[in-house]
Each structure stands twice: as C-alpha cells, then as structure tokens.
C-alpha cells in the first residue's frame, strides 16, 4: 500500500504542534509574549540550563516562531508573529473546556 503524501500546510502544522508539546518551549513562548529576552534571562527565569534554552530556541527558530537580533555579542529573542499568542490562548481555553466538561 502506498502512503498518501500529506499537504504541506498539514505537515508544517504538525511540526509546530510537536515543538509546542515540549513544556519548556511552551513556557519560553509565554515569556517571550510579554517582552524580548536574552537566552540567559530565559534560563534564569525558567530555572533551566543555557544549553536547554539554546536547543529549544533553535527548535522554535526552525519552525519560524521566534526571531532574534544580535546586540553586543548577545542575541535578543521575540515571537515572530502575534498569531502564535492567539493560538496559545485558544489551546489553553480548549484545555479548560475539556477539563471541566462533564460527559
């Protein structure tokens, strides 16, 4: 049996879901929705190592959710598109709805 190729949009959406499934990445996006931050600030705030932050930021960059600029030998990160925040808010509403729904 030949497997059907999935549409490009579906594939990219699944990659975003995979990265957002990482609790560290999700928390980083929560931090970045309020302000631009350096990796050191993110590591300190979340209580994780700088290497964990670097790997997670790389994953977020690869799926095009965050951007950075270099200033004085350090990178400053921010969320690329405000739609990411909307999606996160919608996901959290869904979680609350599922949590309190009676069947």
Protein backbone atom coordinates (compact mmCIF):
# COMPACT_ATOMS: atom_id res chain seq x y z
CA UNK A 1 0.00 0.00 0.00
CA UNK A 2 1.33 3.43 -0.96
CA UNK A 3 1.14 6.08 1.69
CA UNK A 4 -0.51 9.31 0.57
CA UNK A 5 1.54 12.45 0.86
CA UNK A 6 0.06 14.92 3.33
CA UNK A 7 -0.40 18.56 2.31
CA UNK A 8 2.48 20.89 3.15
CA UNK A 9 0.30 23.02 5.48
CA UNK A 10 -0.68 19.94 7.49
CA UNK A 11 2.94 18.83 7.76
CA UNK A 12 4.12 22.25 8.97
CA UNK A 13 1.25 22.48 11.47
CA UNK A 14 2.19 19.06 12.87
CA UNK A 15 5.80 20.24 13.33
CA UNK A 16 4.57 23.29 15.26
CA UNK A 17 2.40 21.05 17.45
CA UNK A 18 5.37 18.77 18.10
CA UNK A 19 7.54 21.66 19.30
CA UNK A 20 4.71 23.21 21.34
CA UNK A 21 4.35 19.80 23.01
CA UNK A 22 7.66 20.50 24.74
CA UNK A 23 6.74 22.19 28.05
CA UNK A 24 9.98 24.19 28.06
CA UNK A 25 9.29 25.58 24.59
CA UNK A 26 5.73 26.44 25.57
CA UNK A 27 6.89 28.28 28.69
CA UNK A 28 9.54 30.14 26.67
CA UNK A 29 6.85 31.40 24.34
CA UNK A 30 4.86 32.56 27.36
CA UNK A 31 7.87 34.57 28.49
CA UNK A 32 8.51 35.97 25.03
CA UNK A 33 4.92 37.09 24.53
CA UNK A 34 5.48 39.77 27.17
CA UNK A 35 8.90 41.07 26.12
CA UNK A 36 12.07 40.43 24.18
CA UNK A 37 14.61 38.38 26.13
CA UNK A 38 18.17 37.10 26.08
CA UNK A 39 18.79 33.34 26.47
CA UNK A 40 20.43 33.96 29.86
CA UNK A 41 17.29 35.71 31.11
CA UNK A 42 15.10 32.87 29.88
CA UNK A 43 17.32 30.25 31.55
CA UNK A 44 17.31 32.15 34.82
CA UNK A 45 13.55 32.72 34.82
CA UNK A 46 12.69 29.10 33.96
CA UNK A 47 15.43 27.57 36.09
CA UNK A 48 16.90 25.52 33.25
CA UNK A 49 20.38 25.34 31.76
CA UNK A 50 21.52 27.66 29.00
CA UNK A 51 22.08 24.62 26.77
CA UNK A 52 18.43 23.60 27.20
CA UNK A 53 17.38 27.13 26.30
CA UNK A 54 19.66 27.15 23.25
CA UNK A 55 18.36 23.83 21.93
CA UNK A 56 14.76 24.86 22.47
CA UNK A 57 15.25 28.26 20.84
CA UNK A 58 16.82 26.51 17.86
CA UNK A 59 13.72 24.33 17.52
CA UNK A 60 11.48 27.41 17.74
CA UNK A 61 13.57 29.19 15.10
CA UNK A 62 13.47 26.19 12.77
CA UNK A 63 9.68 26.26 12.69
CA UNK A 64 9.75 30.04 12.31
CA UNK A 65 8.02 31.00 15.59
CA UNK A 66 10.78 33.20 17.02
CA UNK A 67 13.31 35.67 15.66
CA UNK A 68 16.42 37.26 17.10
CA UNK A 69 18.87 40.10 16.62
CA UNK A 70 22.46 40.26 17.78
CA UNK A 71 23.38 43.18 20.03
CA UNK A 72 26.73 43.43 21.75
CA UNK A 73 27.55 39.74 21.20
CA UNK A 74 24.26 38.53 22.63
CA UNK A 75 21.04 37.50 20.96
CA UNK A 76 17.69 39.00 21.83
CA UNK A 77 14.64 36.86 21.00
CA UNK A 78 10.99 37.65 20.38
CA UNK A 79 7.91 35.97 18.94
CA UNK A 80 7.79 36.48 15.19
CA UNK A 81 4.02 36.62 14.71
CA UNK A 82 1.30 37.61 17.19
CA UNK A 83 -0.86 34.77 15.85
CA UNK A 84 1.28 32.41 17.97
CA UNK A 85 -0.09 34.09 21.10
CA UNK A 86 -3.65 33.71 19.81
CA UNK A 87 -3.08 30.01 19.15
CA UNK A 88 -1.63 29.52 22.65
CA UNK A 89 -4.62 31.30 24.21
CA UNK A 90 -7.02 29.15 22.18
CA UNK A 91 -5.20 25.97 23.25
CA UNK A 92 -5.45 26.97 26.89
CA UNK A 93 -9.18 27.69 26.50
CA UNK A 94 -9.61 24.25 24.96
CA UNK A 95 -7.76 22.62 27.86
CA UNK A 96 -10.02 24.38 30.38
CA UNK A 97 -13.10 23.43 28.42
CA UNK A 98 -12.09 19.78 28.25
CA UNK A 99 -11.05 19.73 31.90
CA UNK A 100 -14.38 20.96 33.22
CA UNK A 101 -16.72 19.36 30.71
CA UNK A 102 -18.98 16.65 32.03
CA UNK A 103 -19.91 13.69 29.90
